């Protein structure tokens, strides 16, 4: 059982430097402590006011020195974000003022909130389940329309409703099978039609399988479609990365082997986030450190969804066959784009030769100049097309959380065993054990069987004040 901390907590809920700063107070003494520091300009004390009201007043320290004029929002349990008595104090955005108010509240009996403690209390008080609580962090971190929609849908319970439907179906199957076990001495009694159970198990298995398959899309939307930029040294990989990011992220130099480690950053192109990875140039070298960078290049190629293979269009002395042999085996799982760079320096005849040289490679082929951003629009359009991410509506249930994905994979394995058990006519007690395991995994996602250690790990990644 999870124990709810009875301390009254406070924290700044807005970044410093704005015109207005907000401090959150939550816990059994939230109203009492806030009321002790607030003098309303008119009317009743804060403790006598109704929930969902704003009070204008002044905050004074223990010596009667005024700190600031403030607005205080009042939320009485259980009608608050945390389910506890809560207040939100809106001050002027001065870091000095906010610090003075925070110190005053702590002297009056508050404790500084831990990261994610407000949302953790909301979960523990039944205001939301664990998957909804995790969606709060995703909503704060959302950087695109798609990630915002997914997080908002999950926070509003879209994923939870899907899981509830699955668990209800599983519980129905389990109860029918276990009812038969209770009457096992009456062989003529059969409460569950085997064909109906198999059909239901197949449906549940397919639903869970669909959720697990959605993780590839969800992960790409949340963390960016991974795009590895590869090629020999000095073909313009770092120049391309800088052009796409519109900043000097990677060092550009005429010296071969400048990039010796993986450099990556994300950029939004037409609403889709891409995670571009600049890699060490591929070549034969005796430099130990550079060889480590090249090894990481091959590793990144295996993990990328899209590979940009850059070729210096001006270099007609390339060891093409050798390059193909060292590069192509690592490109099999990814979508490949061959980029002929520096094409502003070559003729059309040279372009034709390059296309002939690479005719045996199944890939998109584009001519660009990494130093001229206007030539990169065809590349952006090609990346969008190859990413092939679906349009996301606010009602779509797509998995973006690794913890949820891993639990669903375990649940899917259990359902595989249930279906196989029904087909091979295993005994009900063995099938019921796998059904219970599947229910357990789904319950773990929403926090019904989650340990305090798991909660601590999840909420420690939240910001303070949320």
Protein backbone atom coordinates (compact mmCIF):
# COMPACT_ATOMS: atom_id res chain seq x y z
CA UNK A 1 0.00 0.00 0.00
CA UNK A 2 1.30 3.45 -0.91
CA UNK A 3 1.57 5.87 2.03
CA UNK A 4 0.53 9.48 1.34
CA UNK A 5 2.88 12.02 2.88
CA UNK A 6 0.97 14.29 5.29
CA UNK A 7 3.42 17.19 5.03
CA UNK A 8 2.22 20.43 3.53
CA UNK A 9 4.46 21.22 0.58
CA UNK A 10 5.29 24.31 -1.46
CA UNK A 11 7.26 25.02 -4.64
CA UNK A 12 7.57 27.56 -7.41
CA UNK A 13 5.48 26.38 -10.36
CA UNK A 14 6.75 28.88 -12.94
CA UNK A 15 10.18 29.61 -14.36
CA UNK A 16 11.90 32.67 -12.94
CA UNK A 17 12.25 35.80 -15.03
CA UNK A 18 8.63 36.30 -16.14
CA UNK A 19 6.22 39.07 -15.23
CA UNK A 20 4.29 36.78 -12.88
CA UNK A 21 5.50 33.95 -10.67
CA UNK A 22 3.32 31.27 -9.08
CA UNK A 23 3.90 29.29 -5.90
CA UNK A 24 1.89 26.14 -5.20
CA UNK A 25 0.98 25.02 -1.69
CA UNK A 26 -0.67 21.63 -1.05
CA UNK A 27 -1.42 19.51 1.98
CA UNK A 28 -3.48 19.37 5.19
CA UNK A 29 -2.36 22.83 6.35
CA UNK A 30 -2.19 24.52 2.94
CA UNK A 31 -5.10 26.89 3.61
CA UNK A 32 -4.07 27.54 7.21
CA UNK A 33 -0.45 28.40 6.33
CA UNK A 34 -1.37 30.52 3.31
CA UNK A 35 -4.00 32.35 5.35
CA UNK A 36 -1.41 33.10 8.05
CA UNK A 37 0.76 35.06 5.61
CA UNK A 38 -1.99 36.69 3.53
CA UNK A 39 -3.95 39.81 4.45
CA UNK A 40 -6.93 40.20 2.10
CA UNK A 41 -7.57 43.75 0.93
CA UNK A 42 -11.23 43.27 1.81
CA UNK A 43 -13.66 40.62 2.95
CA UNK A 44 -13.27 37.37 4.85
CA UNK A 45 -10.00 35.56 5.65
CA UNK A 46 -8.86 33.00 3.11
CA UNK A 47 -9.87 30.05 5.33
CA UNK A 48 -13.53 31.20 5.26
CA UNK A 49 -13.78 31.59 1.50
CA UNK A 50 -15.26 29.13 -0.98
CA UNK A 51 -13.25 26.84 -3.20
CA UNK A 52 -12.44 28.02 -6.75
CA UNK A 53 -12.20 31.67 -5.67
CA UNK A 54 -9.49 34.31 -6.11
CA UNK A 55 -8.45 36.56 -3.25
CA UNK A 56 -6.50 39.79 -3.73
CA UNK A 57 -4.28 40.72 -0.81
CA UNK A 58 -0.83 41.45 0.54
CA UNK A 59 1.79 39.17 2.03
CA UNK A 60 3.71 40.40 5.08
CA UNK A 61 6.66 38.79 6.86
CA UNK A 62 6.83 38.21 10.64
CA UNK A 63 8.00 41.79 11.25
CA UNK A 64 5.05 43.19 9.35
CA UNK A 65 7.15 44.19 6.32
CA UNK A 66 5.16 43.92 3.08
CA UNK A 67 6.66 41.50 0.54
CA UNK A 68 4.19 41.78 -2.35
CA UNK A 69 0.63 42.27 -3.54
CA UNK A 70 -0.70 38.89 -4.67
CA UNK A 71 -3.66 36.93 -6.00
CA UNK A 72 -4.38 33.63 -4.25
CA UNK A 73 -6.45 30.85 -5.84
CA UNK A 74 -8.14 28.50 -3.38
CA UNK A 75 -8.88 24.81 -4.01
CA UNK A 76 -10.38 22.78 -1.18
CA UNK A 77 -10.12 18.97 -1.03
CA UNK A 78 -11.02 16.93 -2.93
CA UNK A 79 -11.65 19.48 -5.69
CA UNK A 80 -8.01 20.25 -6.50
CA UNK A 81 -5.21 18.92 -8.70
CA UNK A 82 -3.71 16.89 -5.84
CA UNK A 83 -7.00 16.01 -4.16
CA UNK A 84 -5.80 17.92 -1.08
CA UNK A 85 -6.39 21.45 0.17
CA UNK A 86 -4.30 23.62 -2.16
CA UNK A 87 -3.53 27.24 -2.88
CA UNK A 88 -1.73 28.96 -5.73
CA UNK A 89 -0.06 32.27 -4.89
CA UNK A 90 0.51 34.55 -7.88
CA UNK A 91 3.22 37.13 -7.17
CA UNK A 92 5.19 39.53 -9.29
CA UNK A 93 7.92 37.60 -11.12
CA UNK A 94 10.90 38.98 -9.17
CA UNK A 95 13.19 36.17 -8.05
CA UNK A 96 13.72 38.09 -4.79
CA UNK A 97 9.96 38.27 -4.10
CA UNK A 98 9.42 34.60 -4.91
CA UNK A 99 12.34 33.58 -2.72
CA UNK A 100 11.03 35.70 0.19
CA UNK A 101 7.54 34.19 -0.05
CA UNK A 102 8.94 30.65 -0.29
CA UNK A 103 11.14 31.14 2.77
CA UNK A 104 8.19 32.61 4.69
CA UNK A 105 5.98 29.62 3.86
CA UNK A 106 8.71 27.20 4.96
CA UNK A 107 9.13 29.05 8.24
CA UNK A 108 5.37 28.76 8.75
CA UNK A 109 5.46 24.97 8.39
CA UNK A 110 5.68 24.04 4.71
CA UNK A 111 8.27 21.69 3.25
CA UNK A 112 9.90 22.20 -0.15
CA UNK A 113 8.23 19.84 -2.62
CA UNK A 114 10.20 17.08 -4.30
CA UNK A 115 10.24 16.71 -8.11
CA UNK A 116 6.82 15.55 -9.31
CA UNK A 117 5.35 15.44 -5.81
CA UNK A 118 2.15 17.31 -6.71
CA UNK A 119 1.36 14.84 -9.51
CA UNK A 120 2.41 11.91 -7.31
CA UNK A 121 -0.08 13.05 -4.67
CA UNK A 122 -2.75 13.39 -7.37
CA UNK A 123 -2.10 9.73 -8.29
CA UNK A 124 -2.05 8.52 -4.68
CA UNK A 125 -5.29 10.39 -3.95
CA UNK A 126 -7.03 8.78 -6.93
CA UNK A 127 -7.26 11.92 -9.07
CA UNK A 128 -5.58 10.06 -11.96
CA UNK A 129 -4.00 6.70 -12.65
CA UNK A 130 -0.28 6.22 -13.18
CA UNK A 131 -0.37 6.31 -16.99
CA UNK A 132 -2.24 9.63 -16.80
CA UNK A 133 0.30 10.97 -14.30
CA UNK A 134 3.17 10.06 -16.63
CA UNK A 135 1.33 11.85 -19.45
CA UNK A 136 1.57 15.09 -17.46
CA UNK A 137 5.36 15.03 -17.86
CA UNK A 138 4.97 14.19 -21.57
CA UNK A 139 2.56 17.11 -22.01
CA UNK A 140 5.04 19.52 -20.42
CA UNK A 141 7.82 18.17 -22.65
CA UNK A 142 5.74 18.12 -25.87
CA UNK A 143 7.41 19.96 -28.74
CA UNK A 144 5.07 19.28 -31.66
CA UNK A 145 1.37 19.02 -32.49
CA UNK A 146 1.57 15.22 -32.54
CA UNK A 147 3.30 14.80 -29.16
CA UNK A 148 0.92 17.36 -27.62
CA UNK A 149 -2.14 15.47 -28.89
CA UNK A 150 -0.84 12.09 -27.73
CA UNK A 151 0.03 13.36 -24.24
CA UNK A 152 -3.29 15.20 -23.90
CA UNK A 153 -5.27 12.12 -24.94
CA UNK A 154 -3.38 9.94 -22.47
CA UNK A 155 -3.74 12.48 -19.66
CA UNK A 156 -7.50 12.60 -20.29
CA UNK A 157 -7.69 8.81 -19.97
CA UNK A 158 -7.73 7.57 -23.58
CA UNK A 159 -5.08 4.90 -22.93
CA UNK A 160 -6.56 4.09 -19.52
CA UNK A 161 -9.99 3.48 -21.07
CA UNK A 162 -8.40 1.09 -23.61
CA UNK A 163 -6.69 -0.82 -20.79
CA UNK A 164 -9.89 -0.91 -18.71
CA UNK A 165 -11.77 -2.44 -21.64
CA UNK A 166 -9.06 -5.10 -22.04
CA UNK A 167 -9.01 -5.92 -18.33
CA UNK A 168 -12.82 -6.20 -18.22
CA UNK A 169 -12.71 -8.71 -21.09
CA UNK A 170 -9.89 -10.65 -19.42
CA UNK A 171 -11.72 -10.74 -16.09
CA UNK A 172 -14.83 -12.10 -17.83
CA UNK A 173 -12.81 -14.91 -19.44
CA UNK A 174 -11.03 -15.65 -16.15
CA UNK A 175 -14.21 -15.72 -14.11
CA UNK A 176 -15.89 -18.16 -16.52
CA UNK A 177 -12.89 -20.51 -16.51
CA UNK A 178 -12.45 -20.39 -12.75
CA UNK A 179 -16.17 -20.99 -12.26
CA UNK A 180 -15.72 -24.26 -14.13
CA UNK A 181 -12.83 -25.12 -11.81
CA UNK A 182 -15.14 -24.65 -8.81
CA UNK A 183 -17.50 -27.25 -10.31
CA UNK A 184 -14.81 -29.53 -11.73
CA UNK A 185 -16.44 -32.60 -10.15
CA UNK A 186 -19.44 -32.03 -12.45
CA UNK A 187 -17.94 -32.83 -15.83
CA UNK A 188 -21.19 -32.12 -17.64
CA UNK A 189 -21.13 -28.44 -16.60
CA UNK A 190 -19.47 -25.99 -19.00
CA UNK A 191 -19.88 -22.29 -18.30
CA UNK A 192 -17.62 -21.07 -21.11
CA UNK A 193 -17.97 -22.00 -24.77
CA UNK A 194 -14.44 -22.88 -25.95
CA UNK A 195 -14.88 -21.35 -29.41
CA UNK A 196 -16.20 -18.13 -27.90
CA UNK A 197 -13.25 -18.03 -25.48
CA UNK A 198 -10.78 -18.57 -28.33
CA UNK A 199 -12.36 -15.77 -30.35
CA UNK A 200 -12.24 -13.44 -27.35
CA UNK A 201 -8.60 -14.37 -26.59
CA UNK A 202 -7.63 -13.74 -30.23
CA UNK A 203 -9.33 -10.33 -30.14
CA UNK A 204 -7.56 -9.34 -26.92
CA UNK A 205 -4.23 -10.61 -28.26
CA UNK A 206 -4.63 -8.61 -31.48
CA UNK A 207 -5.57 -5.44 -29.54
CA UNK A 208 -2.50 -5.71 -27.30
CA UNK A 209 -0.35 -6.53 -30.33
CA UNK A 210 -1.62 -3.39 -32.07
CA UNK A 211 -0.69 -1.27 -29.04
CA UNK A 212 2.83 -2.71 -28.97
CA UNK A 213 3.25 -2.11 -32.71
CA UNK A 214 2.26 1.53 -32.22
CA UNK A 215 5.36 2.05 -30.05
CA UNK A 216 7.62 2.49 -33.10
CA UNK A 217 5.48 5.40 -34.25
CA UNK A 218 5.10 6.75 -30.71
CA UNK A 219 8.82 6.59 -30.02
CA UNK A 220 9.58 8.40 -33.28
CA UNK A 221 7.03 11.11 -32.48
CA UNK A 222 8.27 11.56 -28.92
CA UNK A 223 12.05 11.32 -29.39
CA UNK A 224 12.40 12.12 -33.08
CA UNK A 225 12.88 9.92 -36.14
CA UNK A 226 16.55 8.79 -35.91
CA UNK A 227 18.51 9.86 -39.01
CA UNK A 228 22.20 8.92 -39.29
CA UNK A 229 24.43 11.09 -41.51
CA UNK A 230 27.26 8.90 -42.80
CA UNK A 231 30.02 9.01 -45.40
CA UNK A 232 33.76 9.36 -45.81
CA UNK A 233 35.71 12.13 -44.12
CA UNK A 234 35.29 15.67 -45.45
CA UNK A 235 32.21 15.00 -47.57
CA UNK A 236 30.19 17.66 -45.70
CA UNK A 237 28.36 15.70 -42.98
CA UNK A 238 28.93 18.27 -40.26
CA UNK A 239 28.12 21.12 -42.65
CA UNK A 240 24.81 19.42 -43.44
CA UNK A 241 23.99 18.93 -39.74
CA UNK A 242 24.68 22.60 -39.03
CA UNK A 243 22.53 23.63 -42.00
CA UNK A 244 19.60 21.49 -40.88
CA UNK A 245 19.84 22.71 -37.28
CA UNK A 246 20.55 26.30 -38.41
CA UNK A 247 23.36 26.56 -35.87
CA UNK A 248 27.05 25.63 -35.61
CA UNK A 249 26.58 22.41 -33.64
CA UNK A 250 29.42 20.42 -35.23
CA UNK A 251 32.97 21.53 -35.97
CA UNK A 252 33.61 22.01 -39.68
CA UNK A 253 37.21 21.72 -40.87
CA UNK A 254 39.23 20.72 -43.91
CA UNK A 255 41.21 18.39 -41.64
CA UNK A 256 40.19 14.75 -42.16
CA UNK A 257 38.74 12.95 -39.14
CA UNK A 258 37.53 16.09 -37.29
CA UNK A 259 34.35 14.37 -36.06
CA UNK A 260 35.44 11.50 -33.86
CA UNK A 261 32.29 10.95 -31.83
CA UNK A 262 28.55 10.97 -32.40
CA UNK A 263 26.97 14.44 -32.41
CA UNK A 264 23.18 14.66 -32.44
CA UNK A 265 20.33 17.10 -32.09
CA UNK A 266 16.66 17.34 -33.01
CA UNK A 267 14.88 19.64 -35.42
CA UNK A 268 11.24 19.92 -36.45
CA UNK A 269 10.60 19.73 -40.18
CA UNK A 270 7.01 20.43 -41.24
CA UNK A 271 5.78 19.44 -37.78
CA UNK A 272 7.74 16.16 -37.52
CA UNK A 273 10.71 15.87 -35.17
CA UNK A 274 13.88 14.32 -36.61
CA UNK A 275 16.90 13.33 -34.54
CA UNK A 276 19.92 13.92 -36.76
CA UNK A 277 23.12 12.08 -35.86
CA UNK A 278 26.42 13.28 -37.32
CA UNK A 279 28.91 10.40 -37.31
CA UNK A 280 32.64 9.96 -37.70
CA UNK A 281 33.83 9.77 -41.31
CA UNK A 282 34.37 6.22 -42.58
CA UNK A 283 37.93 5.56 -43.74
CA UNK A 284 40.93 3.35 -43.04
CA UNK A 285 43.05 4.86 -40.26
CA UNK A 286 45.55 3.82 -37.58
CA UNK A 287 44.21 6.44 -35.14
CA UNK A 288 42.76 4.50 -32.18
CA UNK A 289 40.34 7.25 -31.13
CA UNK A 290 39.09 7.81 -34.68
CA UNK A 291 38.53 4.06 -35.09
CA UNK A 292 36.36 4.10 -31.95
CA UNK A 293 34.31 6.87 -33.57
CA UNK A 294 33.96 4.85 -36.77
CA UNK A 295 32.78 1.83 -34.76
CA UNK A 296 30.09 4.03 -33.24
CA UNK A 297 29.12 5.14 -36.74
CA UNK A 298 28.30 1.54 -37.66
CA UNK A 299 26.35 1.16 -34.42
CA UNK A 300 24.26 4.27 -35.15
CA UNK A 301 23.56 3.02 -38.68
CA UNK A 302 21.97 -0.12 -37.23
CA UNK A 303 19.69 1.96 -34.99
CA UNK A 304 18.65 4.60 -37.55
CA UNK A 305 15.30 4.61 -39.34
CA UNK A 306 16.76 6.71 -42.15
CA UNK A 307 20.37 6.92 -43.34
CA UNK A 308 21.77 9.89 -45.25
CA UNK A 309 24.81 8.59 -47.15
CA UNK A 310 26.79 11.65 -48.22
CA UNK A 311 29.09 11.50 -51.24
CA UNK A 312 31.50 14.22 -52.39
CA UNK A 313 30.28 14.84 -55.93
CA UNK A 314 33.55 16.52 -56.89
CA UNK A 315 35.75 13.56 -55.96
CA UNK A 316 36.17 11.25 -58.95
CA UNK A 317 38.88 9.21 -57.19
CA UNK A 318 36.55 7.50 -54.72
CA UNK A 319 37.06 3.81 -54.03
CA UNK A 320 33.41 3.23 -54.77
CA UNK A 321 33.24 -0.56 -54.54
CA UNK A 322 35.14 -0.56 -51.27
CA UNK A 323 32.82 2.11 -49.87
CA UNK A 324 29.77 0.09 -50.91
CA UNK A 325 31.11 -3.06 -49.27
CA UNK A 326 31.79 -1.30 -45.96
CA UNK A 327 28.57 0.75 -45.91
CA UNK A 328 25.66 -1.12 -47.48
CA UNK A 329 25.54 -4.10 -45.07
CA UNK A 330 24.66 -1.66 -42.28
CA UNK A 331 21.88 0.01 -44.30
CA UNK A 332 19.60 -2.98 -44.77
CA UNK A 333 17.12 -2.16 -42.00
CA UNK A 334 16.93 1.57 -42.76
CA UNK A 335 15.56 3.72 -45.56
CA UNK A 336 18.53 5.00 -47.54
CA UNK A 337 19.07 8.40 -49.16
CA UNK A 338 22.24 9.01 -51.17
CA UNK A 339 23.19 12.68 -51.07
CA UNK A 340 25.59 13.92 -53.74
CA UNK A 341 27.05 16.98 -52.01
CA UNK A 342 28.88 20.00 -53.49
CA UNK A 343 26.88 19.70 -56.71
CA UNK A 344 27.09 23.45 -57.25
CA UNK A 345 30.70 22.70 -58.27
CA UNK A 346 30.03 20.01 -60.91
CA UNK A 347 28.55 19.75 -64.41
CA UNK A 348 25.43 17.90 -65.56
CA UNK A 349 27.68 15.31 -67.22
CA UNK A 350 29.28 14.63 -63.84
CA UNK A 351 25.81 14.22 -62.30
CA UNK A 352 24.96 11.62 -64.95
CA UNK A 353 28.18 9.72 -64.17
CA UNK A 354 27.35 9.66 -60.45
CA UNK A 355 23.86 8.32 -61.09
CA UNK A 356 25.36 5.57 -63.26
CA UNK A 357 27.94 4.70 -60.58
CA UNK A 358 25.18 4.33 -57.97
CA UNK A 359 22.57 2.76 -60.25
CA UNK A 360 22.86 -0.63 -58.50
CA UNK A 361 21.92 0.85 -55.12
CA UNK A 362 18.24 0.92 -54.20
CA UNK A 363 17.90 4.33 -52.60
CA UNK A 364 16.59 7.85 -53.02
CA UNK A 365 19.25 9.96 -54.77
CA UNK A 366 19.44 13.74 -54.35
CA UNK A 367 21.88 16.42 -55.47
CA UNK A 368 22.52 19.08 -52.82
CA UNK A 369 24.96 21.68 -51.60
CA UNK A 370 25.12 21.55 -47.81
CA UNK A 371 26.37 25.16 -47.71
CA UNK A 372 23.28 26.40 -49.56
CA UNK A 373 20.14 25.82 -47.49
CA UNK A 374 17.78 26.45 -50.41
CA UNK A 375 19.02 23.21 -52.02
CA UNK A 376 17.89 21.18 -48.99
CA UNK A 377 14.12 21.55 -49.45
CA UNK A 378 13.90 18.37 -51.62
CA UNK A 379 15.77 16.56 -48.84
CA UNK A 380 13.28 17.79 -46.22
CA UNK A 381 10.34 16.63 -48.36
CA UNK A 382 11.98 13.23 -48.89
CA UNK A 383 12.58 12.84 -45.16
CA UNK A 384 8.93 13.62 -44.41
CA UNK A 385 7.79 11.07 -46.99
CA UNK A 386 10.14 8.31 -45.81
CA UNK A 387 9.30 8.89 -42.14
CA UNK A 388 5.73 7.92 -43.14
CA UNK A 389 4.29 8.95 -39.78
CA UNK A 390 0.49 8.92 -39.65
CA UNK A 391 -1.69 11.93 -38.95
CA UNK A 392 -2.42 11.92 -35.22
CA UNK A 393 -5.85 12.79 -33.90
CA UNK A 394 -6.67 13.55 -30.27
CA UNK A 395 -8.43 10.17 -29.93
CA UNK A 396 -5.56 7.99 -31.16
CA UNK A 397 -4.00 5.63 -28.61
CA UNK A 398 -0.31 5.31 -29.42
CA UNK A 399 2.31 4.03 -26.98
CA UNK A 400 5.19 6.44 -26.31
CA UNK A 401 6.35 5.23 -22.89
CA UNK A 402 9.01 2.48 -22.63
CA UNK A 403 7.58 1.20 -19.31
CA UNK A 404 4.15 0.80 -20.88
CA UNK A 405 5.62 -0.91 -23.94
CA UNK A 406 7.58 -3.44 -21.89
CA UNK A 407 4.50 -4.29 -19.78
CA UNK A 408 2.42 -4.73 -22.96
CA UNK A 409 5.06 -7.04 -24.45
CA UNK A 410 4.89 -9.22 -21.33
CA UNK A 411 1.06 -9.15 -21.46
CA UNK A 412 1.17 -10.15 -25.12
CA UNK A 413 3.37 -13.16 -24.34
CA UNK A 414 0.83 -14.23 -21.71
CA UNK A 415 -2.01 -13.95 -24.24
CA UNK A 416 -0.01 -16.01 -26.76
CA UNK A 417 0.12 -18.77 -24.16
CA UNK A 418 -3.62 -18.40 -23.39
CA UNK A 419 -4.58 -18.77 -27.06
CA UNK A 420 -2.22 -21.72 -27.53
CA UNK A 421 -3.57 -23.30 -24.35
CA UNK A 422 -7.15 -23.01 -25.54
CA UNK A 423 -6.25 -24.47 -28.94
CA UNK A 424 -4.41 -27.42 -27.39
CA UNK A 425 -7.15 -27.85 -24.73
CA UNK A 426 -4.93 -27.32 -21.70
CA UNK A 427 -6.54 -27.46 -18.28
CA UNK A 428 -8.35 -24.34 -17.06
CA UNK A 429 -6.06 -23.80 -14.09
CA UNK A 430 -2.98 -23.44 -16.35
CA UNK A 431 -4.77 -21.09 -18.75
CA UNK A 432 -6.15 -19.03 -15.85
CA UNK A 433 -2.62 -18.50 -14.53
CA UNK A 434 -1.58 -16.87 -17.81
CA UNK A 435 -4.77 -14.78 -17.85
CA UNK A 436 -4.01 -13.51 -14.35
CA UNK A 437 -0.46 -12.64 -15.44
CA UNK A 438 -1.82 -10.62 -18.36
CA UNK A 439 -4.22 -8.76 -16.04
CA UNK A 440 -1.31 -8.07 -13.67
CA UNK A 441 0.79 -6.49 -16.45
CA UNK A 442 -2.06 -4.23 -17.58
CA UNK A 443 -2.74 -3.26 -13.96
CA UNK A 444 0.93 -2.38 -13.52
CA UNK A 445 0.66 0.23 -16.29
CA UNK A 446 -2.09 2.18 -14.50
CA UNK A 447 -0.41 1.78 -11.11
CA UNK A 448 -2.75 -0.66 -9.38
CA UNK A 449 0.12 -3.01 -8.45
CA UNK A 450 3.08 -0.63 -8.71
CA UNK A 451 5.70 -0.51 -5.95
CA UNK A 452 6.90 2.63 -4.19
CA UNK A 453 10.33 2.17 -5.81
CA UNK A 454 8.77 2.36 -9.26
CA UNK A 455 6.81 5.48 -8.26
CA UNK A 456 9.94 7.10 -6.89
CA UNK A 457 11.77 6.43 -10.17
CA UNK A 458 8.91 7.78 -12.31
CA UNK A 459 8.24 10.99 -10.40
CA UNK A 460 11.91 11.83 -9.83
CA UNK A 461 12.08 12.77 -13.52
CA UNK A 462 9.39 15.44 -13.15
CA UNK A 463 10.20 19.10 -12.58
CA UNK A 464 9.77 20.62 -9.12
CA UNK A 465 6.39 22.36 -8.89
CA UNK A 466 4.56 19.70 -10.91
